[in-house]
PDB file of N, CA and C in Angstrom:
ATOM      1  N   MET A   1      -6.547 -99.784-129.597  1.00  0.00           N
ATOM      2  CA  MET A   1      -6.029 -98.442-129.537  1.00  0.00           C
ATOM      3  C   MET A   1      -7.052 -97.510-128.869  1.00  0.00           C
ATOM      4  N   TYR A   2      -8.335 -97.694-129.223  1.00  0.00           N
ATOM      5  CA  TYR A   2      -9.388 -96.841-128.663  1.00  0.00           C
ATOM      6  C   TYR A   2      -9.456 -97.011-127.139  1.00  0.00           C
ATOM      7  N   MET A   3      -9.330 -98.245-126.671  1.00  0.00           N
ATOM      8  CA  MET A   3      -9.351 -98.502-125.224  1.00  0.00           C
ATOM      9  C   MET A   3      -8.137 -97.855-124.548  1.00  0.00           C
ATOM     10  N   ALA A   4      -7.011 -97.845-125.235  1.00  0.00           N
ATOM     11  CA  ALA A   4      -5.811 -97.207-124.680  1.00  0.00           C
ATOM     12  C   ALA A   4      -6.030 -95.700-124.515  1.00  0.00           C
ATOM     13  N   VAL A   5      -6.743 -95.096-125.452  1.00  0.00           N
ATOM     14  CA  VAL A   5      -7.056 -93.666-125.342  1.00  0.00           C
ATOM     15  C   VAL A   5      -7.945 -93.422-124.120  1.00  0.00           C
ATOM     16  N   ILE A   6      -8.965 -94.271-123.937  1.00  0.00           N
ATOM     17  CA  ILE A   6      -9.839 -94.137-122.762  1.00  0.00           C
ATOM     18  C   ILE A   6      -9.021 -94.294-121.478  1.00  0.00           C
ATOM     19  N   PHE A   7      -8.135 -95.281-121.456  1.00  0.00           N
ATOM     20  CA  PHE A   7      -7.287 -95.502-120.286  1.00  0.00           C
ATOM     21  C   PHE A   7      -6.424 -94.274-120.013  1.00  0.00           C
ATOM     22  N   ALA A   8      -5.836 -93.712-121.066  1.00  0.00           N
ATOM     23  CA  ALA A   8      -4.980 -92.527-120.899  1.00  0.00           C
ATOM     24  C   ALA A   8      -5.785 -91.351-120.354  1.00  0.00           C
ATOM     25  N   LEU A   9      -6.985 -91.161-120.880  1.00  0.00           N
ATOM     26  CA  LEU A   9      -7.833 -90.070-120.391  1.00  0.00           C
ATOM     27  C   LEU A   9      -8.192 -90.254-118.922  1.00  0.00           C
ATOM     28  N   SER A  10      -8.439 -91.496-118.521  1.00  0.00           N
ATOM     29  CA  SER A  10      -8.824 -91.726-117.126  1.00  0.00           C
ATOM     30  C   SER A  10      -7.624 -91.694-116.181  1.00  0.00           C
ATOM     31  N   SER A  11      -6.424 -91.598-116.736  1.00  0.00           N
ATOM     32  CA  SER A  11      -5.211 -91.505-115.912  1.00  0.00           C
ATOM     33  C   SER A  11      -4.869 -90.068-115.545  1.00  0.00           C
ATOM     34  N   ILE A  12      -5.598 -89.109-116.111  1.00  0.00           N
ATOM     35  CA  ILE A  12      -5.327 -87.696-115.847  1.00  0.00           C
ATOM     36  C   ILE A  12      -5.940 -87.314-114.501  1.00  0.00           C
ATOM     37  N   SER A  13      -5.109 -86.814-113.611  1.00  0.00           N
ATOM     38  CA  SER A  13      -5.589 -86.435-112.276  1.00  0.00           C
ATOM     39  C   SER A  13      -6.471 -85.197-112.298  1.00  0.00           C
ATOM     40  N   ASP A  14      -6.019 -84.177-112.987  1.00  0.00           N
ATOM     41  CA  ASP A  14      -6.745 -82.909-113.020  1.00  0.00           C
ATOM     42  C   ASP A  14      -7.445 -82.796-114.369  1.00  0.00           C
ATOM     43  N   VAL A  15      -8.677 -83.258-114.424  1.00  0.00           N
ATOM     44  CA  VAL A  15      -9.414 -83.317-115.681  1.00  0.00           C
ATOM     45  C   VAL A  15      -9.899 -81.923-116.063  1.00  0.00           C
ATOM     46  N   PRO A  16      -9.533 -81.467-117.272  1.00  0.00           N
ATOM     47  CA  PRO A  16     -10.029 -80.154-117.715  1.00  0.00           C
ATOM     48  C   PRO A  16     -11.511 -80.247-118.075  1.00  0.00           C
ATOM     49  N   GLY A  17     -12.178 -79.110-118.148  1.00  0.00           N
ATOM     50  CA  GLY A  17     -13.580 -79.095-118.541  1.00  0.00           C
ATOM     51  C   GLY A  17     -13.738 -79.592-119.977  1.00  0.00           C
ATOM     52  N   LEU A  18     -14.855 -80.196-120.240  1.00  0.00           N
ATOM     53  CA  LEU A  18     -15.111 -80.705-121.581  1.00  0.00           C
ATOM     54  C   LEU A  18     -15.568 -79.572-122.490  1.00  0.00           C
ATOM     55  N   PRO A  19     -15.346 -79.693-123.791  1.00  0.00           N
ATOM     56  CA  PRO A  19     -15.715 -78.616-124.716  1.00  0.00           C
ATOM     57  C   PRO A  19     -17.215 -78.333-124.712  1.00  0.00           C
ATOM     58  N   GLY A  20     -17.551 -77.089-124.892  1.00  0.00           N
ATOM     59  CA  GLY A  20     -18.949 -76.688-124.994  1.00  0.00           C
ATOM     60  C   GLY A  20     -19.749 -76.874-123.725  1.00  0.00           C
ATOM     61  N   GLY A  21     -19.077 -76.988-122.591  1.00  0.00           N
ATOM     62  CA  GLY A  21     -19.786 -77.190-121.335  1.00  0.00           C
ATOM     63  C   GLY A  21     -20.448 -78.560-121.233  1.00  0.00           C
ATOM     64  N   MET A  22     -19.969 -79.515-122.037  1.00  0.00           N
ATOM     65  CA  MET A  22     -20.520 -80.870-122.022  1.00  0.00           C
ATOM     66  C   MET A  22     -20.341 -81.490-120.635  1.00  0.00           C
ATOM     67  N   SER A  23     -21.369 -82.191-120.176  1.00  0.00           N
ATOM     68  CA  SER A  23     -21.284 -82.823-118.862  1.00  0.00           C
ATOM     69  C   SER A  23     -20.361 -84.037-118.913  1.00  0.00           C
ATOM     70  N   ASP A  24     -19.862 -84.398-117.763  1.00  0.00           N
ATOM     71  CA  ASP A  24     -19.012 -85.576-117.615  1.00  0.00           C
ATOM     72  C   ASP A  24     -19.744 -86.839-118.114  1.00  0.00           C
ATOM     73  N   LYS A  25     -21.017 -86.939-117.804  1.00  0.00           N
ATOM     74  CA  LYS A  25     -21.789 -88.135-118.197  1.00  0.00           C
ATOM     75  C   LYS A  25     -21.964 -88.195-119.714  1.00  0.00           C
ATOM     76  N   THR A  26     -22.180 -87.046-120.345  1.00  0.00           N
ATOM     77  CA  THR A  26     -22.279 -87.012-121.804  1.00  0.00           C
ATOM     78  C   THR A  26     -20.956 -87.424-122.432  1.00  0.00           C
ATOM     79  N   GLY A  27     -19.861 -86.953-121.865  1.00  0.00           N
ATOM     80  CA  GLY A  27     -18.532 -87.351-122.351  1.00  0.00           C
ATOM     81  C   GLY A  27     -18.332 -88.852-122.257  1.00  0.00           C
ATOM     82  N   HIS A  28     -18.715 -89.427-121.118  1.00  0.00           N
ATOM     83  CA  HIS A  28     -18.617 -90.887-120.960  1.00  0.00           C
ATOM     84  C   HIS A  28     -19.470 -91.588-122.015  1.00  0.00           C
ATOM     85  N   GLY A  29     -20.691 -91.116-122.170  1.00  0.00           N
ATOM     86  CA  GLY A  29     -21.597 -91.741-123.128  1.00  0.00           C
ATOM     87  C   GLY A  29     -21.047 -91.703-124.546  1.00  0.00           C
ATOM     88  N   LEU A  30     -20.502 -90.558-124.948  1.00  0.00           N
ATOM     89  CA  LEU A  30     -19.957 -90.433-126.299  1.00  0.00           C
ATOM     90  C   LEU A  30     -18.738 -91.322-126.509  1.00  0.00           C
ATOM     91  N   LEU A  31     -17.839 -91.327-125.528  1.00  0.00           N
ATOM     92  CA  LEU A  31     -16.659 -92.191-125.642  1.00  0.00           C
ATOM     93  C   LEU A  31     -17.056 -93.662-125.764  1.00  0.00           C
ATOM     94  N   TYR A  32     -17.988 -94.083-124.951  1.00  0.00           N
ATOM     95  CA  TYR A  32     -18.377 -95.495-124.946  1.00  0.00           C
ATOM     96  C   TYR A  32     -19.318 -95.835-126.094  1.00  0.00           C
ATOM     97  N   ALA A  33     -19.983 -94.858-126.687  1.00  0.00           N
ATOM     98  CA  ALA A  33     -20.743 -95.108-127.917  1.00  0.00           C
ATOM     99  C   ALA A  33     -19.763 -95.479-129.024  1.00  0.00           C
ATOM    100  N   GLY A  34     -18.658 -94.747-129.098  1.00  0.00           N
ATOM    101  CA  GLY A  34     -17.616 -95.086-130.069  1.00  0.00           C
ATOM    102  C   GLY A  34     -17.057 -96.471-129.830  1.00  0.00           C
ATOM    103  N   LEU A  35     -16.836 -96.801-128.557  1.00  0.00           N
ATOM    104  CA  LEU A  35     -16.313 -98.126-128.226  1.00  0.00           C
ATOM    105  C   LEU A  35     -17.321 -99.209-128.600  1.00  0.00           C
ATOM    106  N   GLY A  36     -18.587 -98.995-128.291  1.00  0.00           N
ATOM    107  CA  GLY A  36     -19.614 -99.980-128.638  1.00  0.00           C
ATOM    108  C   GLY A  36     -19.685-100.216-130.134  1.00  0.00           C
ATOM    109  N   LEU A  37     -19.617 -99.146-130.912  1.00  0.00           N
ATOM    110  CA  LEU A  37     -19.649 -99.257-132.371  1.00  0.00           C
ATOM    111  C   LEU A  37     -18.427-100.014-132.883  1.00  0.00           C
ATOM    112  N   LEU A  38     -17.258 -99.671-132.385  1.00  0.00           N
ATOM    113  CA  LEU A  38     -16.041-100.357-132.812  1.00  0.00           C
ATOM    114  C   LEU A  38     -16.053-101.831-132.417  1.00  0.00           C
ATOM    115  N   LEU A  39     -16.571-102.136-131.233  1.00  0.00           N
ATOM    116  CA  LEU A  39     -16.627-103.525-130.795  1.00  0.00           C
ATOM    117  C   LEU A  39     -17.573-104.356-131.654  1.00  0.00           C
ATOM    118  N   VAL A  40     -18.735-103.788-132.016  1.00  0.00           N
ATOM    119  CA  VAL A  40     -19.672-104.509-132.891  1.00  0.00           C
ATOM    120  C   VAL A  40     -18.988-104.834-134.214  1.00  0.00           C
ATOM    121  N   ARG A  41     -18.329-103.842-134.771  1.00  0.00           N
ATOM    122  CA  ARG A  41     -17.657-104.040-136.053  1.00  0.00           C
ATOM    123  C   ARG A  41     -16.552-105.093-135.931  1.00  0.00           C
ATOM    124  N   ALA A  42     -15.768-105.014-134.872  1.00  0.00           N
ATOM    125  CA  ALA A  42     -14.675-105.974-134.674  1.00  0.00           C
ATOM    126  C   ALA A  42     -15.212-107.385-134.449  1.00  0.00           C
ATOM    127  N   LEU A  43     -16.228-107.514-133.609  1.00  0.00           N
ATOM    128  CA  LEU A  43     -16.782-108.837-133.316  1.00  0.00           C
ATOM    129  C   LEU A  43     -17.435-109.476-134.540  1.00  0.00           C
ATOM    130  N   ALA A  44     -17.877-108.649-135.480  1.00  0.00           N
ATOM    131  CA  ALA A  44     -18.475-109.157-136.722  1.00  0.00           C
ATOM    132  C   ALA A  44     -17.414-109.351-137.806  1.00  0.00           C
ATOM    133  N   GLY A  45     -16.171-109.137-137.455  1.00  0.00           N
ATOM    134  CA  GLY A  45     -15.098-109.311-138.423  1.00  0.00           C
ATOM    135  C   GLY A  45     -15.147-108.298-139.555  1.00  0.00           C
ATOM    136  N   GLY A  46     -15.761-107.132-139.293  1.00  0.00           N
ATOM    137  CA  GLY A  46     -15.864-106.102-140.307  1.00  0.00           C
ATOM    138  C   GLY A  46     -16.911-106.398-141.374  1.00  0.00           C
ATOM    139  N   ARG A  47     -17.716-107.456-141.148  1.00  0.00           N
ATOM    140  CA  ARG A  47     -18.735-107.843-142.127  1.00  0.00           C
ATOM    141  C   ARG A  47     -20.121-107.501-141.596  1.00  0.00           C
ATOM    142  N   PRO A  48     -20.771-106.515-142.182  1.00  0.00           N
ATOM    143  CA  PRO A  48     -22.087-106.092-141.694  1.00  0.00           C
ATOM    144  C   PRO A  48     -23.107-107.222-141.633  1.00  0.00           C
ATOM    145  N   ALA A  49     -23.018-108.176-142.540  1.00  0.00           N
ATOM    146  CA  ALA A  49     -23.980-109.286-142.556  1.00  0.00           C
ATOM    147  C   ALA A  49     -23.876-110.153-141.307  1.00  0.00           C
ATOM    148  N   MET A  50     -22.772-110.067-140.603  1.00  0.00           N
ATOM    149  CA  MET A  50     -22.554-110.889-139.410  1.00  0.00           C
ATOM    150  C   MET A  50     -23.006-110.207-138.122  1.00  0.00           C
ATOM    151  N   ILE A  51     -23.517-108.981-138.226  1.00  0.00           N
ATOM    152  CA  ILE A  51     -23.948-108.257-137.031  1.00  0.00           C
ATOM    153  C   ILE A  51     -25.364-108.695-136.677  1.00  0.00           C
ATOM    154  N   GLY A  52     -25.484-109.393-135.571  1.00  0.00           N
ATOM    155  CA  GLY A  52     -26.780-109.830-135.081  1.00  0.00           C
ATOM    156  C   GLY A  52     -26.953-109.425-133.630  1.00  0.00           C
ATOM    157  N   GLY A  53     -28.055-109.839-133.063  1.00  0.00           N
ATOM    158  CA  GLY A  53     -28.350-109.489-131.676  1.00  0.00           C
ATOM    159  C   GLY A  53     -27.282-109.963-130.707  1.00  0.00           C
ATOM    160  N   GLY A  54     -26.772-111.163-130.918  1.00  0.00           N
ATOM    161  CA  GLY A  54     -25.730-111.698-130.041  1.00  0.00           C
ATOM    162  C   GLY A  54     -24.462-110.865-130.090  1.00  0.00           C
ATOM    163  N   THR A  55     -24.124-110.398-131.284  1.00  0.00           N
ATOM    164  CA  THR A  55     -22.946-109.546-131.448  1.00  0.00           C
ATOM    165  C   THR A  55     -23.121-108.241-130.682  1.00  0.00           C
ATOM    166  N   VAL A  56     -24.317-107.693-130.761  1.00  0.00           N
ATOM    167  CA  VAL A  56     -24.613-106.430-130.076  1.00  0.00           C
ATOM    168  C   VAL A  56     -24.516-106.614-128.564  1.00  0.00           C
ATOM    169  N   VAL A  57     -25.127-107.671-128.058  1.00  0.00           N
ATOM    170  CA  VAL A  57     -25.093-107.932-126.609  1.00  0.00           C
ATOM    171  C   VAL A  57     -23.661-108.145-126.137  1.00  0.00           C
ATOM    172  N   LEU A  58     -22.891-108.923-126.899  1.00  0.00           N
ATOM    173  CA  LEU A  58     -21.501-109.172-126.508  1.00  0.00           C
ATOM    174  C   LEU A  58     -20.693-107.870-126.516  1.00  0.00           C
ATOM    175  N   ALA A  59     -20.908-107.031-127.511  1.00  0.00           N
ATOM    176  CA  ALA A  59     -20.197-105.751-127.574  1.00  0.00           C
ATOM    177  C   ALA A  59     -20.527-104.894-126.351  1.00  0.00           C
ATOM    178  N   ILE A  60     -21.792-104.860-125.971  1.00  0.00           N
ATOM    179  CA  ILE A  60     -22.194-104.066-124.801  1.00  0.00           C
ATOM    180  C   ILE A  60     -21.546-104.631-123.539  1.00  0.00           C
ATOM    181  N   LEU A  61     -21.566-105.950-123.392  1.00  0.00           N
ATOM    182  CA  LEU A  61     -20.965-106.577-122.201  1.00  0.00           C
ATOM    183  C   LEU A  61     -19.465-106.296-122.117  1.00  0.00           C
ATOM    184  N   VAL A  62     -18.772-106.398-123.243  1.00  0.00           N
ATOM    185  CA  VAL A  62     -17.331-106.122-123.244  1.00  0.00           C
ATOM    186  C   VAL A  62     -17.079-104.657-122.888  1.00  0.00           C
ATOM    187  N   ALA A  63     -17.861-103.749-123.459  1.00  0.00           N
ATOM    188  CA  ALA A  63     -17.678-102.319-123.175  1.00  0.00           C
ATOM    189  C   ALA A  63     -17.953-102.006-121.704  1.00  0.00           C
ATOM    190  N   VAL A  64     -19.011-102.592-121.150  1.00  0.00           N
ATOM    191  CA  VAL A  64     -19.327-102.346-119.738  1.00  0.00           C
ATOM    192  C   VAL A  64     -18.246-102.950-118.835  1.00  0.00           C
ATOM    193  N   ALA A  65     -17.739-104.123-119.198  1.00  0.00           N
ATOM    194  CA  ALA A  65     -16.649-104.725-118.422  1.00  0.00           C
ATOM    195  C   ALA A  65     -15.420-103.813-118.472  1.00  0.00           C
ATOM    196  N   TYR A  66     -15.143-103.244-119.632  1.00  0.00           N
ATOM    197  CA  TYR A  66     -14.018-102.320-119.732  1.00  0.00           C
ATOM    198  C   TYR A  66     -14.288-101.058-118.910  1.00  0.00           C
ATOM    199  N   GLY A  67     -15.529-100.580-118.951  1.00  0.00           N
ATOM    200  CA  GLY A  67     -15.897 -99.423-118.136  1.00  0.00           C
ATOM    201  C   GLY A  67     -15.697 -99.692-116.657  1.00  0.00           C
ATOM    202  N   LEU A  68     -16.068-100.899-116.228  1.00  0.00           N
ATOM    203  CA  LEU A  68     -15.871-101.290-114.824  1.00  0.00           C
ATOM    204  C   LEU A  68     -14.381-101.296-114.482  1.00  0.00           C
ATOM    205  N   SER A  69     -13.564-101.855-115.374  1.00  0.00           N
ATOM    206  CA  SER A  69     -12.118-101.870-115.107  1.00  0.00           C
ATOM    207  C   SER A  69     -11.553-100.450-115.112  1.00  0.00           C
ATOM    208  N   ASP A  70     -12.090 -99.597-115.960  1.00  0.00           N
ATOM    209  CA  ASP A  70     -11.633 -98.213-116.025  1.00  0.00           C
ATOM    210  C   ASP A  70     -12.005 -97.446-114.752  1.00  0.00           C
ATOM    211  N   GLU A  71     -13.226 -97.643-114.282  1.00  0.00           N
ATOM    212  CA  GLU A  71     -13.630 -96.997-113.023  1.00  0.00           C
ATOM    213  C   GLU A  71     -12.778 -97.500-111.866  1.00  0.00           C
ATOM    214  N   THR A  72     -12.465 -98.783-111.851  1.00  0.00           N
ATOM    215  CA  THR A  72     -11.600 -99.359-110.806  1.00  0.00           C
ATOM    216  C   THR A  72     -10.202 -98.754-110.908  1.00  0.00           C
ATOM    217  N   HIS A  73      -9.701 -98.605-112.114  1.00  0.00           N
ATOM    218  CA  HIS A  73      -8.390 -97.991-112.337  1.00  0.00           C
ATOM    219  C   HIS A  73      -8.335 -96.586-111.729  1.00  0.00           C
ATOM    220  N   GLN A  74      -9.442 -95.855-111.819  1.00  0.00           N
ATOM    221  CA  GLN A  74      -9.461 -94.487-111.311  1.00  0.00           C
ATOM    222  C   GLN A  74      -9.332 -94.418-109.788  1.00  0.00           C
ATOM    223  N   LEU A  75      -9.574 -95.522-109.114  1.00  0.00           N
ATOM    224  CA  LEU A  75      -9.350 -95.551-107.657  1.00  0.00           C
ATOM    225  C   LEU A  75      -7.884 -95.281-107.315  1.00  0.00           C
ATOM    226  N   PHE A  76      -6.998 -95.550-108.290  1.00  0.00           N
ATOM    227  CA  PHE A  76      -5.564 -95.411-108.053  1.00  0.00           C
ATOM    228  C   PHE A  76      -4.992 -94.125-108.664  1.00  0.00           C
ATOM    229  N   VAL A  77      -5.868 -93.280-109.183  1.00  0.00           N
ATOM    230  CA  VAL A  77      -5.438 -92.005-109.779  1.00  0.00           C
ATOM    231  C   VAL A  77      -5.811 -90.890-108.802  1.00  0.00           C
ATOM    232  N   PRO A  78      -4.810 -90.090-108.376  1.00  0.00           N
ATOM    233  CA  PRO A  78      -5.115 -89.004-107.436  1.00  0.00           C
ATOM    234  C   PRO A  78      -6.242 -88.106-107.948  1.00  0.00           C
ATOM    235  N   THR A  79      -7.123 -87.751-107.070  1.00  0.00           N
ATOM    236  CA  THR A  79      -8.306 -86.896-107.267  1.00  0.00           C
ATOM    237  C   THR A  79      -9.418 -87.558-108.084  1.00  0.00           C
ATOM    238  N   ARG A  80      -9.222 -88.782-108.548  1.00  0.00           N
ATOM    239  CA  ARG A  80     -10.261 -89.486-109.308  1.00  0.00           C
ATOM    240  C   ARG A  80     -10.917 -90.494-108.383  1.00  0.00           C
ATOM    241  N   GLN A  81     -12.089 -90.984-108.784  1.00  0.00           N
ATOM    242  CA  GLN A  81     -12.821 -91.934-107.940  1.00  0.00           C
ATOM    243  C   GLN A  81     -13.662 -92.861-108.805  1.00  0.00           C
ATOM    244  N   PHE A  82     -14.093 -93.944-108.208  1.00  0.00           N
ATOM    245  CA  PHE A  82     -15.029 -94.878-108.837  1.00  0.00           C
ATOM    246  C   PHE A  82     -16.415 -94.251-108.753  1.00  0.00           C
ATOM    247  N   ASP A  83     -17.121 -94.207-109.878  1.00  0.00           N
ATOM    248  CA  ASP A  83     -18.439 -93.582-109.902  1.00  0.00           C
ATOM    249  C   ASP A  83     -19.417 -94.467-110.675  1.00  0.00           C
ATOM    250  N   LEU A  84     -20.420 -94.986-109.984  1.00  0.00           N
ATOM    251  CA  LEU A  84     -21.417 -95.844-110.630  1.00  0.00           C
ATOM    252  C   LEU A  84     -22.208 -95.100-111.701  1.00  0.00           C
ATOM    253  N   HIS A  85     -22.397 -93.801-111.521  1.00  0.00           N
ATOM    254  CA  HIS A  85     -23.104 -93.014-112.537  1.00  0.00           C
ATOM    255  C   HIS A  85     -22.290 -92.926-113.835  1.00  0.00           C
ATOM    256  N   ASP A  86     -20.968 -92.842-113.695  1.00  0.00           N
ATOM    257  CA  ASP A  86     -20.111 -92.867-114.884  1.00  0.00           C
ATOM    258  C   ASP A  86     -20.221 -94.222-115.574  1.00  0.00           C
ATOM    259  N   LEU A  87     -20.235 -95.284-114.790  1.00  0.00           N
ATOM    260  CA  LEU A  87     -20.358 -96.631-115.356  1.00  0.00           C
ATOM    261  C   LEU A  87     -21.697 -96.794-116.068  1.00  0.00           C
ATOM    262  N   ALA A  88     -22.752 -96.236-115.497  1.00  0.00           N
ATOM    263  CA  ALA A  88     -24.066 -96.289-116.153  1.00  0.00           C
ATOM    264  C   ALA A  88     -24.034 -95.521-117.477  1.00  0.00           C
ATOM    265  N   ALA A  89     -23.382 -94.361-117.489  1.00  0.00           N
ATOM    266  CA  ALA A  89     -23.257 -93.584-118.733  1.00  0.00           C
ATOM    267  C   ALA A  89     -22.449 -94.358-119.764  1.00  0.00           C
ATOM    268  N   ASP A  90     -21.427 -95.068-119.302  1.00  0.00           N
ATOM    269  CA  ASP A  90     -20.639 -95.914-120.199  1.00  0.00           C
ATOM    270  C   ASP A  90     -21.526 -96.981-120.837  1.00  0.00           C
ATOM    271  N   GLY A  91     -22.351 -97.618-120.022  1.00  0.00           N
ATOM    272  CA  GLY A  91     -23.235 -98.677-120.515  1.00  0.00           C
ATOM    273  C   GLY A  91     -24.268 -98.158-121.502  1.00  0.00           C
ATOM    274  N   VAL A  92     -24.859 -97.004-121.193  1.00  0.00           N
ATOM    275  CA  VAL A  92     -25.845 -96.413-122.112  1.00  0.00           C
ATOM    276  C   VAL A  92     -25.168 -96.044-123.426  1.00  0.00           C
ATOM    277  N   GLY A  93     -24.002 -95.422-123.333  1.00  0.00           N
ATOM    278  CA  GLY A  93     -23.268 -95.064-124.547  1.00  0.00           C
ATOM    279  C   GLY A  93     -22.900 -96.288-125.372  1.00  0.00           C
ATOM    280  N   ALA A  94     -22.421 -97.333-124.707  1.00  0.00           N
ATOM    281  CA  ALA A  94     -22.061 -98.570-125.418  1.00  0.00           C
ATOM    282  C   ALA A  94     -23.276 -99.171-126.110  1.00  0.00           C
ATOM    283  N   ALA A  95     -24.427 -99.140-125.451  1.00  0.00           N
ATOM    284  CA  ALA A  95     -25.651 -99.682-126.048  1.00  0.00           C
ATOM    285  C   ALA A  95     -26.067 -98.864-127.273  1.00  0.00           C
ATOM    286  N   VAL A  96     -25.943 -97.552-127.187  1.00  0.00           N
ATOM    287  CA  VAL A  96     -26.281 -96.697-128.332  1.00  0.00           C
ATOM    288  C   VAL A  96     -25.331 -96.992-129.495  1.00  0.00           C
ATOM    289  N   GLY A  97     -24.037 -97.036-129.215  1.00  0.00           N
ATOM    290  CA  GLY A  97     -23.057 -97.306-130.271  1.00  0.00           C
ATOM    291  C   GLY A  97     -23.237 -98.682-130.886  1.00  0.00           C
ATOM    292  N   ALA A  98     -23.467 -99.693-130.048  1.00  0.00           N
ATOM    293  CA  ALA A  98     -23.686-101.048-130.561  1.00  0.00           C
ATOM    294  C   ALA A  98     -24.969-101.102-131.377  1.00  0.00           C
ATOM    295  N   GLY A  99     -25.997-100.393-130.914  1.00  0.00           N
ATOM    296  CA  GLY A  99     -27.251-100.334-131.656  1.00  0.00           C
ATOM    297  C   GLY A  99     -27.081 -99.673-133.017  1.00  0.00           C
ATOM    298  N   LEU A 100     -26.269 -98.621-133.065  1.00  0.00           N
ATOM    299  CA  LEU A 100     -25.973 -97.976-134.352  1.00  0.00           C
ATOM    300  C   LEU A 100     -25.226 -98.933-135.278  1.00  0.00           C
ATOM    301  N   GLY A 101     -24.335 -99.726-134.710  1.00  0.00           N
ATOM    302  CA  GLY A 101     -23.626-100.727-135.503  1.00  0.00           C
ATOM    303  C   GLY A 101     -24.571-101.766-136.069  1.00  0.00           C
ATOM    304  N   TRP A 102     -25.520-102.177-135.255  1.00  0.00           N
ATOM    305  CA  TRP A 102     -26.526-103.148-135.695  1.00  0.00           C
ATOM    306  C   TRP A 102     -27.368-102.550-136.826  1.00  0.00           C
ATOM    307  N   ALA A 103     -27.793-101.295-136.650  1.00  0.00           N
ATOM    308  CA  ALA A 103     -28.573-100.618-137.690  1.00  0.00           C
ATOM    309  C   ALA A 103     -27.759-100.501-138.977  1.00  0.00           C
ATOM    310  N   TRP A 104     -26.487-100.186-138.851  1.00  0.00           N
ATOM    311  CA  TRP A 104     -25.596-100.113-140.005  1.00  0.00           C
ATOM    312  C   TRP A 104     -25.583-101.458-140.731  1.00  0.00           C
ATOM    313  N   GLY A 105     -25.493-102.559-139.978  1.00  0.00           N
ATOM    314  CA  GLY A 105     -25.500-103.890-140.585  1.00  0.00           C
ATOM    315  C   GLY A 105     -26.796-104.178-141.325  1.00  0.00           C
ATOM    316  N   ILE A 106     -27.913-103.791-140.746  1.00  0.00           N
ATOM    317  CA  ILE A 106     -29.220-104.011-141.384  1.00  0.00           C
ATOM    318  C   ILE A 106     -29.309-103.201-142.684  1.00  0.00           C
ATOM    319  N   ILE A 107     -28.893-101.956-142.629  1.00  0.00           N
ATOM    320  CA  ILE A 107     -28.941-101.100-143.818  1.00  0.00           C
ATOM    321  C   ILE A 107     -28.024-101.648-144.908  1.00  0.00           C
ATOM    322  N   ARG A 108     -26.825-102.056-144.530  1.00  0.00           N
ATOM    323  CA  ARG A 108     -25.885-102.608-145.518  1.00  0.00           C
ATOM    324  C   ARG A 108     -26.435-103.873-146.157  1.00  0.00           C
ATOM    325  N   ARG A 109     -27.044-104.749-145.347  1.00  0.00           N
ATOM    326  CA  ARG A 109     -27.637-105.982-145.906  1.00  0.00           C
ATOM    327  C   ARG A 109     -28.773-105.643-146.855  1.00  0.00           C
ATOM    328  N   HIS A 110     -29.577-104.659-146.480  1.00  0.00           N
ATOM    329  CA  HIS A 110     -30.707-104.256-147.331  1.00  0.00           C
ATOM    330  C   HIS A 110     -30.205-103.750-148.682  1.00  0.00           C
ATOM    331  N   TRP A 111     -29.238-102.849-148.668  1.00  0.00           N
ATOM    332  CA  TRP A 111     -28.731-102.287-149.922  1.00  0.00           C
ATOM    333  C   TRP A 111     -28.005-103.328-150.750  1.00  0.00           C
ATOM    334  N   ALA A 112     -27.379-104.303-150.114  1.00  0.00           N
ATOM    335  CA  ALA A 112     -26.682-105.362-150.857  1.00  0.00           C
ATOM    336  C   ALA A 112     -27.669-106.277-151.568  1.00  0.00           C
ATOM    337  N   SER A 113     -28.882-106.390-151.024  1.00  0.00           N
ATOM    338  CA  SER A 113     -29.879-107.281-151.625  1.00  0.00           C
ATOM    339  C   SER A 113     -30.641-106.632-152.778  1.00  0.00           C
ATOM    340  N   LEU A 114     -30.457-105.344-152.998  1.00  0.00           N
ATOM    341  CA  LEU A 114     -31.178-104.645-154.094  1.00  0.00           C
ATOM    342  C   LEU A 114     -30.518-104.881-155.432  1.00  0.00           C
TER     343      LEU A 114
END
């Protein structure tokens, strides 16, 4: 569902300004941080104990692959374009979100062991 929202947003030809004067790159980063976090959780089956480095890397790769497909999709949307800087922001955001998911898993494991 989250990916469908990203797809819908990237289908808008005339993109309105982001709230609070937020830059386009910050918007990409925030959206993909959410995606990275959701992917880590999904790939771990919702079990924090299963979140490891491999899960984080896979989540980032899936998010970046989706970002690449999204940027390619924008080639077919009037007034939109493929932008490598947007893809880089997507990757950074996905890494931050996946990293937060990993930290969440570590914290949950720690508290479960007390």
